[in-house]
Amino acid sequence: MDKMIAYCGIVCTECPAFEATQKNDDAKRKKTAEAWSKQYKMAIKPEDINCDGCKSQGKRLIGYCNICYMRKCAQGKPVENCAYCDEYACEKLTKFFAMAPHAKASLEGIRKSR
């Protein structure tokens, strides 16, 4: 499968929720739910771990992606991802980068190569 990079820069195809969904792997769903519950200090159940990736047109998106500002904004532009946006990096994206520096690195790499 080709690499799917979300609008925000997260590599969907490397996300454990995406991997568990694509492989229909209940053990990986359970492991991911336990890890994320600790990491984000909230109750996440294995049945919550279902995602086809940010750019999918289906309804299987992991929690926050359903209401994600960056996703909705990019879909409205439309741009392949935030690296291609004339307003890069907006305030919302910059705040997100503080929590997900790997996403920033992904988008910065795309910006340098275009």
PDB file of N, CA and C in Angstrom:
ATOM      1  N   MET A   1       0.836  -1.180   0.000  1.00  0.00           N
ATOM      2  CA  MET A   1       0.000   0.000   0.000  1.00  0.00           C
ATOM      3  C   MET A   1       0.880   1.241   0.000  1.00  0.00           C
ATOM      4  N   ASP A   2       0.476   2.237  -0.759  1.00  0.00           N
ATOM      5  CA  ASP A   2       1.191   3.508  -0.789  1.00  0.00           C
ATOM      6  C   ASP A   2       1.033   4.214   0.549  1.00  0.00           C
ATOM      7  N   LYS A   3       1.971   5.092   0.827  1.00  0.00           N
ATOM      8  CA  LYS A   3       1.925   5.880   2.057  1.00  0.00           C
ATOM      9  C   LYS A   3       0.786   6.894   1.964  1.00  0.00           C
ATOM     10  N   MET A   4      -0.069   6.939   2.984  1.00  0.00           N
ATOM     11  CA  MET A   4      -1.140   7.929   3.053  1.00  0.00           C
ATOM     12  C   MET A   4      -0.763   8.933   4.137  1.00  0.00           C
ATOM     13  N   ILE A   5      -0.593  10.177   3.723  1.00  0.00           N
ATOM     14  CA  ILE A   5      -0.256  11.230   4.675  1.00  0.00           C
ATOM     15  C   ILE A   5      -1.497  12.075   4.904  1.00  0.00           C
ATOM     16  N   ALA A   6      -1.892  12.158   6.154  1.00  0.00           N
ATOM     17  CA  ALA A   6      -3.079  12.942   6.524  1.00  0.00           C
ATOM     18  C   ALA A   6      -2.827  14.413   6.249  1.00  0.00           C
ATOM     19  N   TYR A   7      -3.880  15.183   6.235  1.00  0.00           N
ATOM     20  CA  TYR A   7      -3.760  16.620   5.988  1.00  0.00           C
ATOM     21  C   TYR A   7      -2.792  17.270   6.964  1.00  0.00           C
ATOM     22  N   CYS A   8      -2.783  16.806   8.205  1.00  0.00           N
ATOM     23  CA  CYS A   8      -1.956  17.388   9.259  1.00  0.00           C
ATOM     24  C   CYS A   8      -0.513  16.901   9.234  1.00  0.00           C
ATOM     25  N   GLY A   9      -0.226  15.877   8.459  1.00  0.00           N
ATOM     26  CA  GLY A   9       1.132  15.361   8.364  1.00  0.00           C
ATOM     27  C   GLY A   9       1.350  14.004   8.994  1.00  0.00           C
ATOM     28  N   ILE A  10       0.395  13.522   9.765  1.00  0.00           N
ATOM     29  CA  ILE A  10       0.520  12.176  10.325  1.00  0.00           C
ATOM     30  C   ILE A  10       0.489  11.179   9.167  1.00  0.00           C
ATOM     31  N   VAL A  11       1.322  10.170   9.238  1.00  0.00           N
ATOM     32  CA  VAL A  11       1.333   9.133   8.202  1.00  0.00           C
ATOM     33  C   VAL A  11       0.311   8.066   8.616  1.00  0.00           C
ATOM     34  N   CYS A  12      -0.859   8.155   8.020  1.00  0.00           N
ATOM     35  CA  CYS A  12      -1.966   7.254   8.375  1.00  0.00           C
ATOM     36  C   CYS A  12      -1.564   5.787   8.251  1.00  0.00           C
ATOM     37  N   THR A  13      -0.853   5.466   7.199  1.00  0.00           N
ATOM     38  CA  THR A  13      -0.507   4.074   6.927  1.00  0.00           C
ATOM     39  C   THR A  13       0.481   3.503   7.938  1.00  0.00           C
ATOM     40  N   GLU A  14       1.037   4.340   8.813  1.00  0.00           N
ATOM     41  CA  GLU A  14       1.931   3.867   9.869  1.00  0.00           C
ATOM     42  C   GLU A  14       1.260   3.930  11.242  1.00  0.00           C
ATOM     43  N   CYS A  15       0.011   4.368  11.280  1.00  0.00           N
ATOM     44  CA  CYS A  15      -0.730   4.499  12.537  1.00  0.00           C
ATOM     45  C   CYS A  15      -1.238   3.124  12.977  1.00  0.00           C
ATOM     46  N   PRO A  16      -1.090   2.789  14.253  1.00  0.00           N
ATOM     47  CA  PRO A  16      -1.557   1.473  14.701  1.00  0.00           C
ATOM     48  C   PRO A  16      -3.064   1.262  14.540  1.00  0.00           C
ATOM     49  N   ALA A  17      -3.853   2.318  14.618  1.00  0.00           N
ATOM     50  CA  ALA A  17      -5.307   2.161  14.412  1.00  0.00           C
ATOM     51  C   ALA A  17      -5.598   1.807  12.959  1.00  0.00           C
ATOM     52  N   PHE A  18      -4.920   2.478  12.041  1.00  0.00           N
ATOM     53  CA  PHE A  18      -5.084   2.185  10.614  1.00  0.00           C
ATOM     54  C   PHE A  18      -4.638   0.748  10.328  1.00  0.00           C
ATOM     55  N   GLU A  19      -3.476   0.378  10.849  1.00  0.00           N
ATOM     56  CA  GLU A  19      -2.946  -0.975  10.617  1.00  0.00           C
ATOM     57  C   GLU A  19      -3.897  -2.038  11.163  1.00  0.00           C
ATOM     58  N   ALA A  20      -4.406  -1.829  12.384  1.00  0.00           N
ATOM     59  CA  ALA A  20      -5.326  -2.802  12.985  1.00  0.00           C
ATOM     60  C   ALA A  20      -6.602  -2.941  12.164  1.00  0.00           C
ATOM     61  N   THR A  21      -7.082  -1.816  11.641  1.00  0.00           N
ATOM     62  CA  THR A  21      -8.303  -1.832  10.839  1.00  0.00           C
ATOM     63  C   THR A  21      -8.080  -2.570   9.528  1.00  0.00           C
ATOM     64  N   GLN A  22      -7.001  -2.241   8.846  1.00  0.00           N
ATOM     65  CA  GLN A  22      -6.748  -2.841   7.543  1.00  0.00           C
ATOM     66  C   GLN A  22      -6.493  -4.345   7.638  1.00  0.00           C
ATOM     67  N   LYS A  23      -5.892  -4.786   8.752  1.00  0.00           N
ATOM     68  CA  LYS A  23      -5.606  -6.212   8.949  1.00  0.00           C
ATOM     69  C   LYS A  23      -6.700  -6.914   9.748  1.00  0.00           C
ATOM     70  N   ASN A  24      -7.721  -6.131  10.181  1.00  0.00           N
ATOM     71  CA  ASN A  24      -8.782  -6.652  11.044  1.00  0.00           C
ATOM     72  C   ASN A  24      -8.183  -7.431  12.215  1.00  0.00           C
ATOM     73  N   ASP A  25      -7.238  -6.787  12.899  1.00  0.00           N
ATOM     74  CA  ASP A  25      -6.444  -7.403  13.953  1.00  0.00           C
ATOM     75  C   ASP A  25      -6.952  -6.943  15.329  1.00  0.00           C
ATOM     76  N   ASP A  26      -7.773  -7.782  15.954  1.00  0.00           N
ATOM     77  CA  ASP A  26      -8.352  -7.428  17.244  1.00  0.00           C
ATOM     78  C   ASP A  26      -7.308  -7.320  18.351  1.00  0.00           C
ATOM     79  N   ALA A  27      -6.256  -8.116  18.280  1.00  0.00           N
ATOM     80  CA  ALA A  27      -5.188  -8.037  19.290  1.00  0.00           C
ATOM     81  C   ALA A  27      -4.491  -6.674  19.208  1.00  0.00           C
ATOM     82  N   LYS A  28      -4.246  -6.200  17.992  1.00  0.00           N
ATOM     83  CA  LYS A  28      -3.613  -4.880  17.813  1.00  0.00           C
ATOM     84  C   LYS A  28      -4.572  -3.765  18.243  1.00  0.00           C
ATOM     85  N   ARG A  29      -5.870  -3.938  18.005  1.00  0.00           N
ATOM     86  CA  ARG A  29      -6.854  -2.960  18.471  1.00  0.00           C
ATOM     87  C   ARG A  29      -6.793  -2.839  19.993  1.00  0.00           C
ATOM     88  N   LYS A  30      -6.745  -3.986  20.660  1.00  0.00           N
ATOM     89  CA  LYS A  30      -6.713  -4.010  22.124  1.00  0.00           C
ATOM     90  C   LYS A  30      -5.437  -3.346  22.635  1.00  0.00           C
ATOM     91  N   LYS A  31      -4.317  -3.709  22.070  1.00  0.00           N
ATOM     92  CA  LYS A  31      -3.032  -3.144  22.483  1.00  0.00           C
ATOM     93  C   LYS A  31      -3.003  -1.628  22.263  1.00  0.00           C
ATOM     94  N   THR A  32      -3.504  -1.169  21.126  1.00  0.00           N
ATOM     95  CA  THR A  32      -3.539   0.256  20.806  1.00  0.00           C
ATOM     96  C   THR A  32      -4.475   1.003  21.750  1.00  0.00           C
ATOM     97  N   ALA A  33      -5.629   0.434  22.020  1.00  0.00           N
ATOM     98  CA  ALA A  33      -6.593   1.065  22.939  1.00  0.00           C
ATOM     99  C   ALA A  33      -5.979   1.228  24.330  1.00  0.00           C
ATOM    100  N   GLU A  34      -5.281   0.207  24.800  1.00  0.00           N
ATOM    101  CA  GLU A  34      -4.648   0.277  26.117  1.00  0.00           C
ATOM    102  C   GLU A  34      -3.559   1.357  26.139  1.00  0.00           C
ATOM    103  N   ALA A  35      -2.723   1.379  25.115  1.00  0.00           N
ATOM    104  CA  ALA A  35      -1.632   2.360  25.052  1.00  0.00           C
ATOM    105  C   ALA A  35      -2.175   3.786  24.959  1.00  0.00           C
ATOM    106  N   TRP A  36      -3.146   3.994  24.100  1.00  0.00           N
ATOM    107  CA  TRP A  36      -3.695   5.342  23.916  1.00  0.00           C
ATOM    108  C   TRP A  36      -4.496   5.792  25.132  1.00  0.00           C
ATOM    109  N   SER A  37      -5.145   4.864  25.815  1.00  0.00           N
ATOM    110  CA  SER A  37      -5.878   5.217  27.035  1.00  0.00           C
ATOM    111  C   SER A  37      -4.913   5.791  28.071  1.00  0.00           C
ATOM    112  N   LYS A  38      -3.754   5.179  28.204  1.00  0.00           N
ATOM    113  CA  LYS A  38      -2.740   5.683  29.136  1.00  0.00           C
ATOM    114  C   LYS A  38      -2.153   6.997  28.636  1.00  0.00           C
ATOM    115  N   GLN A  39      -1.790   7.033  27.368  1.00  0.00           N
ATOM    116  CA  GLN A  39      -1.138   8.212  26.795  1.00  0.00           C
ATOM    117  C   GLN A  39      -2.027   9.449  26.845  1.00  0.00           C
ATOM    118  N   TYR A  40      -3.294   9.294  26.502  1.00  0.00           N
ATOM    119  CA  TYR A  40      -4.203  10.440  26.410  1.00  0.00           C
ATOM    120  C   TYR A  40      -5.096  10.600  27.643  1.00  0.00           C
ATOM    121  N   LYS A  41      -4.895   9.714  28.631  1.00  0.00           N
ATOM    122  CA  LYS A  41      -5.637   9.775  29.884  1.00  0.00           C
ATOM    123  C   LYS A  41      -7.151   9.822  29.666  1.00  0.00           C
ATOM    124  N   MET A  42      -7.605   8.888  28.843  1.00  0.00           N
ATOM    125  CA  MET A  42      -9.037   8.755  28.581  1.00  0.00           C
ATOM    126  C   MET A  42      -9.341   7.293  28.259  1.00  0.00           C
ATOM    127  N   ALA A  43     -10.591   6.914  28.427  1.00  0.00           N
ATOM    128  CA  ALA A  43     -10.993   5.530  28.174  1.00  0.00           C
ATOM    129  C   ALA A  43     -11.206   5.309  26.679  1.00  0.00           C
ATOM    130  N   ILE A  44     -10.366   4.485  26.098  1.00  0.00           N
ATOM    131  CA  ILE A  44     -10.496   4.110  24.686  1.00  0.00           C
ATOM    132  C   ILE A  44     -10.668   2.598  24.648  1.00  0.00           C
ATOM    133  N   LYS A  45     -11.710   2.162  23.983  1.00  0.00           N
ATOM    134  CA  LYS A  45     -12.011   0.738  23.910  1.00  0.00           C
ATOM    135  C   LYS A  45     -11.486   0.161  22.589  1.00  0.00           C
ATOM    136  N   PRO A  46     -11.172  -1.115  22.561  1.00  0.00           N
ATOM    137  CA  PRO A  46     -10.709  -1.731  21.315  1.00  0.00           C
ATOM    138  C   PRO A  46     -11.664  -1.514  20.143  1.00  0.00           C
ATOM    139  N   GLU A  47     -12.969  -1.488  20.413  1.00  0.00           N
ATOM    140  CA  GLU A  47     -13.933  -1.282  19.324  1.00  0.00           C
ATOM    141  C   GLU A  47     -13.895   0.150  18.780  1.00  0.00           C
ATOM    142  N   ASP A  48     -13.209   1.053  19.499  1.00  0.00           N
ATOM    143  CA  ASP A  48     -13.017   2.426  19.011  1.00  0.00           C
ATOM    144  C   ASP A  48     -11.870   2.518  18.002  1.00  0.00           C
ATOM    145  N   ILE A  49     -11.081   1.476  17.937  1.00  0.00           N
ATOM    146  CA  ILE A  49      -9.898   1.480  17.076  1.00  0.00           C
ATOM    147  C   ILE A  49     -10.266   0.943  15.698  1.00  0.00           C
ATOM    148  N   ASN A  50     -10.830   1.822  14.893  1.00  0.00           N
ATOM    149  CA  ASN A  50     -11.205   1.517  13.513  1.00  0.00           C
ATOM    150  C   ASN A  50     -11.004   2.779  12.686  1.00  0.00           C
ATOM    151  N   CYS A  51     -10.120   2.712  11.701  1.00  0.00           N
ATOM    152  CA  CYS A  51      -9.840   3.896  10.894  1.00  0.00           C
ATOM    153  C   CYS A  51      -9.302   3.486   9.523  1.00  0.00           C
ATOM    154  N   ASP A  52      -9.857   4.109   8.497  1.00  0.00           N
ATOM    155  CA  ASP A  52      -9.383   3.875   7.131  1.00  0.00           C
ATOM    156  C   ASP A  52      -8.502   5.025   6.646  1.00  0.00           C
ATOM    157  N   GLY A  53      -8.143   5.913   7.541  1.00  0.00           N
ATOM    158  CA  GLY A  53      -7.257   7.022   7.190  1.00  0.00           C
ATOM    159  C   GLY A  53      -8.000   8.312   6.958  1.00  0.00           C
ATOM    160  N   CYS A  54      -7.315   9.383   7.235  1.00  0.00           N
ATOM    161  CA  CYS A  54      -7.876  10.732   7.178  1.00  0.00           C
ATOM    162  C   CYS A  54      -8.514  11.066   5.832  1.00  0.00           C
ATOM    163  N   LYS A  55      -7.921  10.591   4.768  1.00  0.00           N
ATOM    164  CA  LYS A  55      -8.409  10.964   3.439  1.00  0.00           C
ATOM    165  C   LYS A  55      -9.467  10.021   2.890  1.00  0.00           C
ATOM    166  N   SER A  56      -9.810   9.017   3.668  1.00  0.00           N
ATOM    167  CA  SER A  56     -10.828   8.076   3.202  1.00  0.00           C
ATOM    168  C   SER A  56     -12.190   8.758   3.175  1.00  0.00           C
ATOM    169  N   GLN A  57     -13.046   8.284   2.321  1.00  0.00           N
ATOM    170  CA  GLN A  57     -14.393   8.835   2.208  1.00  0.00           C
ATOM    171  C   GLN A  57     -15.382   8.073   3.082  1.00  0.00           C
ATOM    172  N   GLY A  58     -14.914   6.979   3.672  1.00  0.00           N
ATOM    173  CA  GLY A  58     -15.788   6.175   4.518  1.00  0.00           C
ATOM    174  C   GLY A  58     -16.022   6.821   5.861  1.00  0.00           C
ATOM    175  N   LYS A  59     -16.753   6.135   6.693  1.00  0.00           N
ATOM    176  CA  LYS A  59     -17.101   6.684   7.999  1.00  0.00           C
ATOM    177  C   LYS A  59     -16.195   6.168   9.101  1.00  0.00           C
ATOM    178  N   ARG A  60     -15.266   5.266   8.768  1.00  0.00           N
ATOM    179  CA  ARG A  60     -14.390   4.741   9.803  1.00  0.00           C
ATOM    180  C   ARG A  60     -13.176   5.649   9.964  1.00  0.00           C
ATOM    181  N   LEU A  61     -13.282   6.540  10.943  1.00  0.00           N
ATOM    182  CA  LEU A  61     -12.189   7.432  11.305  1.00  0.00           C
ATOM    183  C   LEU A  61     -11.993   7.334  12.811  1.00  0.00           C
ATOM    184  N   ILE A  62     -10.770   7.436  13.233  1.00  0.00           N
ATOM    185  CA  ILE A  62     -10.492   7.363  14.663  1.00  0.00           C
ATOM    186  C   ILE A  62     -10.971   8.646  15.347  1.00  0.00           C
ATOM    187  N   GLY A  63     -11.701   8.514  16.410  1.00  0.00           N
ATOM    188  CA  GLY A  63     -12.199   9.577  17.252  1.00  0.00           C
ATOM    189  C   GLY A  63     -12.152  10.998  16.734  1.00  0.00           C
ATOM    190  N   TYR A  64     -11.101  11.704  17.068  1.00  0.00           N
ATOM    191  CA  TYR A  64     -10.997  13.135  16.801  1.00  0.00           C
ATOM    192  C   TYR A  64     -11.047  13.476  15.308  1.00  0.00           C
ATOM    193  N   CYS A  65     -10.619  12.589  14.465  1.00  0.00           N
ATOM    194  CA  CYS A  65     -10.574  12.874  13.015  1.00  0.00           C
ATOM    195  C   CYS A  65     -11.940  13.266  12.458  1.00  0.00           C
ATOM    196  N   ASN A  66     -12.997  12.792  13.089  1.00  0.00           N
ATOM    197  CA  ASN A  66     -14.344  13.137  12.641  1.00  0.00           C
ATOM    198  C   ASN A  66     -14.667  14.620  12.787  1.00  0.00           C
ATOM    199  N   ILE A  67     -13.990  15.296  13.717  1.00  0.00           N
ATOM    200  CA  ILE A  67     -14.255  16.714  13.954  1.00  0.00           C
ATOM    201  C   ILE A  67     -13.009  17.579  13.759  1.00  0.00           C
ATOM    202  N   CYS A  68     -11.966  17.015  13.208  1.00  0.00           N
ATOM    203  CA  CYS A  68     -10.672  17.692  13.080  1.00  0.00           C
ATOM    204  C   CYS A  68     -10.766  18.963  12.224  1.00  0.00           C
ATOM    205  N   TYR A  69     -10.362  20.071  12.800  1.00  0.00           N
ATOM    206  CA  TYR A  69     -10.374  21.360  12.103  1.00  0.00           C
ATOM    207  C   TYR A  69      -9.470  21.327  10.870  1.00  0.00           C
ATOM    208  N   MET A  70      -8.281  20.773  11.013  1.00  0.00           N
ATOM    209  CA  MET A  70      -7.327  20.769   9.902  1.00  0.00           C
ATOM    210  C   MET A  70      -7.848  19.930   8.733  1.00  0.00           C
ATOM    211  N   ARG A  71      -8.478  18.828   9.044  1.00  0.00           N
ATOM    212  CA  ARG A  71      -9.051  17.971   8.001  1.00  0.00           C
ATOM    213  C   ARG A  71     -10.158  18.704   7.250  1.00  0.00           C
ATOM    214  N   LYS A  72     -11.070  19.311   7.997  1.00  0.00           N
ATOM    215  CA  LYS A  72     -12.176  20.030   7.369  1.00  0.00           C
ATOM    216  C   LYS A  72     -11.667  21.213   6.553  1.00  0.00           C
ATOM    217  N   CYS A  73     -10.699  21.917   7.075  1.00  0.00           N
ATOM    218  CA  CYS A  73     -10.138  23.074   6.382  1.00  0.00           C
ATOM    219  C   CYS A  73      -9.487  22.648   5.065  1.00  0.00           C
ATOM    220  N   ALA A  74      -8.656  21.638   5.117  1.00  0.00           N
ATOM    221  CA  ALA A  74      -7.945  21.176   3.914  1.00  0.00           C
ATOM    222  C   ALA A  74      -8.905  20.621   2.871  1.00  0.00           C
ATOM    223  N   GLN A  75      -9.934  19.917   3.304  1.00  0.00           N
ATOM    224  CA  GLN A  75     -10.916  19.393   2.361  1.00  0.00           C
ATOM    225  C   GLN A  75     -11.649  20.529   1.663  1.00  0.00           C
ATOM    226  N   GLY A  76     -11.811  21.646   2.330  1.00  0.00           N
ATOM    227  CA  GLY A  76     -12.502  22.786   1.757  1.00  0.00           C
ATOM    228  C   GLY A  76     -11.650  23.607   0.805  1.00  0.00           C
ATOM    229  N   LYS A  77     -10.342  23.408   0.790  1.00  0.00           N
ATOM    230  CA  LYS A  77      -9.449  24.251  -0.013  1.00  0.00           C
ATOM    231  C   LYS A  77      -9.532  23.931  -1.513  1.00  0.00           C
ATOM    232  N   PRO A  78      -9.442  22.777  -2.035  1.00  0.00           N
ATOM    233  CA  PRO A  78      -8.883  21.543  -1.503  1.00  0.00           C
ATOM    234  C   PRO A  78      -7.370  21.466  -1.774  1.00  0.00           C
ATOM    235  N   VAL A  79      -6.654  20.886  -0.839  1.00  0.00           N
ATOM    236  CA  VAL A  79      -5.214  20.651  -0.989  1.00  0.00           C
ATOM    237  C   VAL A  79      -4.927  19.202  -0.635  1.00  0.00           C
ATOM    238  N   GLU A  80      -3.822  18.693  -1.147  1.00  0.00           N
ATOM    239  CA  GLU A  80      -3.462  17.308  -0.852  1.00  0.00           C
ATOM    240  C   GLU A  80      -3.224  17.124   0.642  1.00  0.00           C
ATOM    241  N   ASN A  81      -2.532  18.070   1.241  1.00  0.00           N
ATOM    242  CA  ASN A  81      -2.354  18.140   2.690  1.00  0.00           C
ATOM    243  C   ASN A  81      -1.894  19.553   3.031  1.00  0.00           C
ATOM    244  N   CYS A  82      -1.727  19.830   4.299  1.00  0.00           N
ATOM    245  CA  CYS A  82      -1.430  21.199   4.734  1.00  0.00           C
ATOM    246  C   CYS A  82      -0.100  21.733   4.196  1.00  0.00           C
ATOM    247  N   ALA A  83       0.795  20.870   3.781  1.00  0.00           N
ATOM    248  CA  ALA A  83       2.068  21.317   3.215  1.00  0.00           C
ATOM    249  C   ALA A  83       1.852  22.141   1.947  1.00  0.00           C
ATOM    250  N   TYR A  84       0.750  21.925   1.262  1.00  0.00           N
ATOM    251  CA  TYR A  84       0.462  22.615   0.009  1.00  0.00           C
ATOM    252  C   TYR A  84      -0.409  23.863   0.199  1.00  0.00           C
ATOM    253  N   CYS A  85      -0.721  24.186   1.437  1.00  0.00           N
ATOM    254  CA  CYS A  85      -1.609  25.315   1.717  1.00  0.00           C
ATOM    255  C   CYS A  85      -0.835  26.633   1.722  1.00  0.00           C
ATOM    256  N   ASP A  86      -1.438  27.665   1.154  1.00  0.00           N
ATOM    257  CA  ASP A  86      -0.833  28.994   1.137  1.00  0.00           C
ATOM    258  C   ASP A  86      -0.729  29.588   2.542  1.00  0.00           C
ATOM    259  N   GLU A  87      -1.513  29.061   3.481  1.00  0.00           N
ATOM    260  CA  GLU A  87      -1.507  29.583   4.845  1.00  0.00           C
ATOM    261  C   GLU A  87      -0.657  28.739   5.799  1.00  0.00           C
ATOM    262  N   TYR A  88       0.164  27.873   5.251  1.00  0.00           N
ATOM    263  CA  TYR A  88       1.027  27.004   6.069  1.00  0.00           C
ATOM    264  C   TYR A  88       2.022  27.852   6.844  1.00  0.00           C
ATOM    265  N   ALA A  89       2.279  27.574   8.055  1.00  0.00           N
ATOM    266  CA  ALA A  89       1.570  26.765   9.023  1.00  0.00           C
ATOM    267  C   ALA A  89       0.677  27.675   9.848  1.00  0.00           C
ATOM    268  N   CYS A  90      -0.603  27.429   9.780  1.00  0.00           N
ATOM    269  CA  CYS A  90      -1.577  28.235  10.504  1.00  0.00           C
ATOM    270  C   CYS A  90      -1.447  27.984  12.012  1.00  0.00           C
ATOM    271  N   GLU A  91      -2.163  28.768  12.779  1.00  0.00           N
ATOM    272  CA  GLU A  91      -2.097  28.672  14.238  1.00  0.00           C
ATOM    273  C   GLU A  91      -2.539  27.298  14.747  1.00  0.00           C
ATOM    274  N   LYS A  92      -3.618  26.764  14.197  1.00  0.00           N
ATOM    275  CA  LYS A  92      -4.111  25.448  14.635  1.00  0.00           C
ATOM    276  C   LYS A  92      -3.082  24.362  14.352  1.00  0.00           C
ATOM    277  N   LEU A  93      -2.466  24.430  13.193  1.00  0.00           N
ATOM    278  CA  LEU A  93      -1.462  23.439  12.822  1.00  0.00           C
ATOM    279  C   LEU A  93      -0.237  23.567  13.716  1.00  0.00           C
ATOM    280  N   THR A  94       0.180  24.772  13.998  1.00  0.00           N
ATOM    281  CA  THR A  94       1.336  25.007  14.859  1.00  0.00           C
ATOM    282  C   THR A  94       1.088  24.444  16.256  1.00  0.00           C
ATOM    283  N   LYS A  95      -0.104  24.637  16.783  1.00  0.00           N
ATOM    284  CA  LYS A  95      -0.451  24.069  18.092  1.00  0.00           C
ATOM    285  C   LYS A  95      -0.416  22.545  18.037  1.00  0.00           C
ATOM    286  N   PHE A  96      -0.905  21.987  16.955  1.00  0.00           N
ATOM    287  CA  PHE A  96      -0.903  20.532  16.791  1.00  0.00           C
ATOM    288  C   PHE A  96       0.529  19.992  16.745  1.00  0.00           C
ATOM    289  N   PHE A  97       1.421  20.712  16.092  1.00  0.00           N
ATOM    290  CA  PHE A  97       2.818  20.285  15.986  1.00  0.00           C
ATOM    291  C   PHE A  97       3.480  20.134  17.354  1.00  0.00           C
ATOM    292  N   ALA A  98       3.055  20.928  18.332  1.00  0.00           N
ATOM    293  CA  ALA A  98       3.613  20.808  19.679  1.00  0.00           C
ATOM    294  C   ALA A  98       3.339  19.425  20.265  1.00  0.00           C
ATOM    295  N   MET A  99       2.225  18.834  19.872  1.00  0.00           N
ATOM    296  CA  MET A  99       1.835  17.513  20.342  1.00  0.00           C
ATOM    297  C   MET A  99       2.336  16.405  19.401  1.00  0.00           C
ATOM    298  N   ALA A 100       2.556  16.747  18.135  1.00  0.00           N
ATOM    299  CA  ALA A 100       2.924  15.741  17.135  1.00  0.00           C
ATOM    300  C   ALA A 100       4.069  16.253  16.249  1.00  0.00           C
ATOM    301  N   PRO A 101       5.286  16.337  16.803  1.00  0.00           N
ATOM    302  CA  PRO A 101       6.408  16.850  16.004  1.00  0.00           C
ATOM    303  C   PRO A 101       6.717  16.000  14.767  1.00  0.00           C
ATOM    304  N   HIS A 102       6.371  14.730  14.817  1.00  0.00           N
ATOM    305  CA  HIS A 102       6.584  13.865  13.655  1.00  0.00           C
ATOM    306  C   HIS A 102       5.715  14.307  12.473  1.00  0.00           C
ATOM    307  N   ALA A 103       4.558  14.865  12.758  1.00  0.00           N
ATOM    308  CA  ALA A 103       3.676  15.367  11.701  1.00  0.00           C
ATOM    309  C   ALA A 103       4.297  16.601  11.043  1.00  0.00           C
ATOM    310  N   LYS A 104       4.899  17.451  11.861  1.00  0.00           N
ATOM    311  CA  LYS A 104       5.579  18.638  11.323  1.00  0.00           C
ATOM    312  C   LYS A 104       6.723  18.211  10.415  1.00  0.00           C
ATOM    313  N   ALA A 105       7.506  17.242  10.859  1.00  0.00           N
ATOM    314  CA  ALA A 105       8.628  16.760  10.053  1.00  0.00           C
ATOM    315  C   ALA A 105       8.150  16.216   8.712  1.00  0.00           C
ATOM    316  N   SER A 106       7.028  15.527   8.727  1.00  0.00           N
ATOM    317  CA  SER A 106       6.461  14.982   7.496  1.00  0.00           C
ATOM    318  C   SER A 106       6.076  16.095   6.523  1.00  0.00           C
ATOM    319  N   LEU A 107       5.364  17.099   7.020  1.00  0.00           N
ATOM    320  CA  LEU A 107       4.933  18.201   6.157  1.00  0.00           C
ATOM    321  C   LEU A 107       6.116  19.055   5.700  1.00  0.00           C
ATOM    322  N   GLU A 108       7.084  19.269   6.568  1.00  0.00           N
ATOM    323  CA  GLU A 108       8.267  20.057   6.188  1.00  0.00           C
ATOM    324  C   GLU A 108       9.025  19.323   5.085  1.00  0.00           C
ATOM    325  N   GLY A 109       9.110  18.004   5.156  1.00  0.00           N
ATOM    326  CA  GLY A 109       9.760  17.226   4.110  1.00  0.00           C
ATOM    327  C   GLY A 109       9.049  17.382   2.767  1.00  0.00           C
ATOM    328  N   ILE A 110       7.744  17.372   2.803  1.00  0.00           N
ATOM    329  CA  ILE A 110       6.952  17.554   1.570  1.00  0.00           C
ATOM    330  C   ILE A 110       7.191  18.951   1.002  1.00  0.00           C
ATOM    331  N   ARG A 111       7.185  19.963   1.859  1.00  0.00           N
ATOM    332  CA  ARG A 111       7.385  21.342   1.395  1.00  0.00           C
ATOM    333  C   ARG A 111       8.757  21.518   0.740  1.00  0.00           C
ATOM    334  N   LYS A 112       9.768  20.869   1.288  1.00  0.00           N
ATOM    335  CA  LYS A 112      11.114  20.983   0.729  1.00  0.00           C
ATOM    336  C   LYS A 112      11.240  20.282  -0.621  1.00  0.00           C
ATOM    337  N   SER A 113      10.480  19.235  -0.817  1.00  0.00           N
ATOM    338  CA  SER A 113      10.618  18.443  -2.036  1.00  0.00           C
ATOM    339  C   SER A 113       9.721  18.873  -3.192  1.00  0.00           C
ATOM    340  N   ARG A 114       8.855  19.856  -2.960  1.00  0.00           N
ATOM    341  CA  ARG A 114       7.950  20.242  -4.043  1.00  0.00           C
ATOM    342  C   ARG A 114       8.503  21.373  -4.877  1.00  0.00           C
TER     343      ARG A 114
END
